[in-house]
Every structure is written in C-alpha cells, then in structure tokens.
Amino acid sequence: MAHHQSTIKRIRQTVKRTERNRYYRTRLKNIVKAVRVAAEANDKVAAQEAFKIANKQIHKMVSRGFLKKATAARKVSRLNRLVNKIAA
C-alpha cells in the first residue's frame, strides 16, 4: 500500500482515468459495430442513421482528447466508404 500522499492521489487518478477510458473505448466499439451491422444487413437507411450518430460521437471524442484527430478521420472515412458501398 502506498504511503505518500502524492502516490495515493496518483492511484485515485489512475482508477478514474481507467474507468473513463474503458467507457469511451467500449462506446466507440459499439458505435462502429452498429454501422457495420447495418451495412452487412444491406440496410442503407439504418446504416446512414448509424453513421450520422457515429460521426458526431467520434468527433466529440476528439474534442475531449480521447482520440487523435487523424485516428477519428480514418475511422469516419472507413465507415463512410462502407455505407456508400451499400446498393440502394
């Protein structure tokens, strides 16, 4: 067990940060999965709606510092390509 105040605080911060990161990581996976599932089902309308939500949420994660700008752009681009590939 830690004895220094600074070490105790670092442990508290790490636990908080880990929980926050786990939430965002899971959220990101679920958002992307929703778009992919709709695309695999060839449901263009559902895929477009899911993509709209995904785009907004992914960019919100960038502004909060969870994702880098380039990573978000890559993910959005790939999802967009997937949605546009669906036959109307």
C-alpha atoms as a PDB file:
ATOM      1  CA  MET A   1       0.000   0.000   0.000  1.00  0.00           C
ATOM      2  CA  ALA A   2       1.185   3.484  -0.838  1.00  0.00           C
ATOM      3  CA  HIS A   3       2.363   5.722   1.987  1.00  0.00           C
ATOM      4  CA  HIS A   4       2.961   9.069   0.289  1.00  0.00           C
ATOM      5  CA  GLN A   5       0.098  11.462  -0.305  1.00  0.00           C
ATOM      6  CA  SER A   6       1.184  12.010  -3.906  1.00  0.00           C
ATOM      7  CA  THR A   7       1.210   8.268  -4.582  1.00  0.00           C
ATOM      8  CA  ILE A   8      -2.244   7.843  -3.063  1.00  0.00           C
ATOM      9  CA  LYS A   9      -3.536  10.661  -5.268  1.00  0.00           C
ATOM     10  CA  ARG A  10      -1.907   9.151  -8.375  1.00  0.00           C
ATOM     11  CA  ILE A  11      -3.655   5.837  -7.647  1.00  0.00           C
ATOM     12  CA  ARG A  12      -7.016   7.628  -7.347  1.00  0.00           C
ATOM     13  CA  GLN A  13      -6.409   9.469 -10.609  1.00  0.00           C
ATOM     14  CA  THR A  14      -5.362   6.298 -12.421  1.00  0.00           C
ATOM     15  CA  VAL A  15      -8.512   4.469 -11.322  1.00  0.00           C
ATOM     16  CA  LYS A  16     -10.708   7.358 -12.507  1.00  0.00           C
ATOM     17  CA  ARG A  17      -8.882   7.649 -15.817  1.00  0.00           C
ATOM     18  CA  THR A  18      -9.025   3.891 -16.414  1.00  0.00           C
ATOM     19  CA  GLU A  19     -12.792   3.823 -15.846  1.00  0.00           C
ATOM     20  CA  ARG A  20     -13.290   6.792 -18.176  1.00  0.00           C
ATOM     21  CA  ASN A  21     -11.112   5.269 -20.891  1.00  0.00           C
ATOM     22  CA  ARG A  22     -12.896   1.926 -20.631  1.00  0.00           C
ATOM     23  CA  TYR A  23     -16.244   3.682 -21.068  1.00  0.00           C
ATOM     24  CA  TYR A  24     -15.106   5.559 -24.187  1.00  0.00           C
ATOM     25  CA  ARG A  25     -13.353   2.524 -25.679  1.00  0.00           C
ATOM     26  CA  THR A  26     -16.493   0.390 -25.273  1.00  0.00           C
ATOM     27  CA  ARG A  27     -18.705   3.201 -26.575  1.00  0.00           C
ATOM     28  CA  LEU A  28     -16.515   3.579 -29.660  1.00  0.00           C
ATOM     29  CA  LYS A  29     -16.619  -0.157 -30.405  1.00  0.00           C
ATOM     30  CA  ASN A  30     -20.413  -0.249 -30.070  1.00  0.00           C
ATOM     31  CA  ILE A  31     -20.871   2.792 -32.309  1.00  0.00           C
ATOM     32  CA  VAL A  32     -18.697   1.324 -35.049  1.00  0.00           C
ATOM     33  CA  LYS A  33     -20.352  -2.070 -34.684  1.00  0.00           C
ATOM     34  CA  ALA A  34     -23.812  -0.549 -35.163  1.00  0.00           C
ATOM     35  CA  VAL A  35     -22.754   0.910 -38.514  1.00  0.00           C
ATOM     36  CA  ARG A  36     -21.095  -2.331 -39.629  1.00  0.00           C
ATOM     37  CA  VAL A  37     -24.093  -4.483 -38.664  1.00  0.00           C
ATOM     38  CA  ALA A  38     -26.472  -2.207 -40.568  1.00  0.00           C
ATOM     39  CA  ALA A  39     -24.130  -2.250 -43.586  1.00  0.00           C
ATOM     40  CA  GLU A  40     -23.855  -6.049 -43.561  1.00  0.00           C
ATOM     41  CA  ALA A  41     -27.652  -6.278 -43.500  1.00  0.00           C
ATOM     42  CA  ASN A  42     -27.706  -4.039 -46.612  1.00  0.00           C
ATOM     43  CA  ASP A  43     -29.997  -1.607 -44.798  1.00  0.00           C
ATOM     44  CA  LYS A  44     -28.882   1.704 -46.298  1.00  0.00           C
ATOM     45  CA  VAL A  45     -31.234   3.905 -44.252  1.00  0.00           C
ATOM     46  CA  ALA A  46     -30.253   2.332 -40.918  1.00  0.00           C
ATOM     47  CA  ALA A  47     -26.572   2.434 -41.888  1.00  0.00           C
ATOM     48  CA  GLN A  48     -26.791   6.130 -42.758  1.00  0.00           C
ATOM     49  CA  GLU A  49     -28.518   6.923 -39.459  1.00  0.00           C
ATOM     50  CA  ALA A  50     -25.952   4.902 -37.513  1.00  0.00           C
ATOM     51  CA  PHE A  51     -23.148   6.607 -39.437  1.00  0.00           C
ATOM     52  CA  LYS A  52     -24.539  10.048 -38.626  1.00  0.00           C
ATOM     53  CA  ILE A  53     -24.506   9.200 -34.920  1.00  0.00           C
ATOM     54  CA  ALA A  54     -21.056   7.608 -35.185  1.00  0.00           C
ATOM     55  CA  ASN A  55     -19.592  10.636 -36.953  1.00  0.00           C
ATOM     56  CA  LYS A  56     -20.844  13.008 -34.261  1.00  0.00           C
ATOM     57  CA  GLN A  57     -19.737  10.818 -31.356  1.00  0.00           C
ATOM     58  CA  ILE A  58     -16.283  10.099 -32.801  1.00  0.00           C
ATOM     59  CA  HIS A  59     -15.612  13.803 -33.307  1.00  0.00           C
ATOM     60  CA  LYS A  60     -16.851  14.509 -29.801  1.00  0.00           C
ATOM     61  CA  MET A  61     -14.246  12.024 -28.523  1.00  0.00           C
ATOM     62  CA  VAL A  62     -11.584  14.019 -30.370  1.00  0.00           C
ATOM     63  CA  SER A  63     -12.636  17.244 -28.673  1.00  0.00           C
ATOM     64  CA  ARG A  64     -12.480  15.516 -25.299  1.00  0.00           C
ATOM     65  CA  GLY A  65      -8.989  14.246 -26.014  1.00  0.00           C
ATOM     66  CA  PHE A  66      -9.788  10.551 -26.136  1.00  0.00           C
ATOM     67  CA  LEU A  67      -8.921  10.112 -29.821  1.00  0.00           C
ATOM     68  CA  LYS A  68      -6.393  11.818 -32.026  1.00  0.00           C
ATOM     69  CA  LYS A  69      -7.729  13.806 -34.953  1.00  0.00           C
ATOM     70  CA  ALA A  70      -6.158  11.538 -37.577  1.00  0.00           C
ATOM     71  CA  THR A  71      -7.496   8.374 -35.927  1.00  0.00           C
ATOM     72  CA  ALA A  72     -11.000   9.794 -35.886  1.00  0.00           C
ATOM     73  CA  ALA A  73     -10.727  10.895 -39.508  1.00  0.00           C
ATOM     74  CA  ARG A  74      -9.550   7.413 -40.527  1.00  0.00           C
ATOM     75  CA  LYS A  75     -12.405   5.687 -38.690  1.00  0.00           C
ATOM     76  CA  VAL A  76     -15.034   8.054 -40.092  1.00  0.00           C
ATOM     77  CA  SER A  77     -13.621   7.694 -43.601  1.00  0.00           C
ATOM     78  CA  ARG A  78     -13.716   3.907 -43.477  1.00  0.00           C
ATOM     79  CA  LEU A  79     -17.252   3.863 -42.115  1.00  0.00           C
ATOM     80  CA  ASN A  80     -18.358   6.353 -44.766  1.00  0.00           C
ATOM     81  CA  ARG A  81     -16.882   4.184 -47.523  1.00  0.00           C
ATOM     82  CA  LEU A  82     -18.689   1.167 -46.092  1.00  0.00           C
ATOM     83  CA  VAL A  83     -22.027   2.961 -46.011  1.00  0.00           C
ATOM     84  CA  ASN A  84     -21.610   4.347 -49.539  1.00  0.00           C
ATOM     85  CA  LYS A  85     -20.845   0.856 -50.865  1.00  0.00           C
ATOM     86  CA  ILE A  86     -24.318  -0.400 -49.943  1.00  0.00           C
ATOM     87  CA  ALA A  87     -26.544  -0.798 -53.007  1.00  0.00           C
ATOM     88  CA  ALA A  88     -29.583   1.430 -52.821  1.00  0.00           C
END
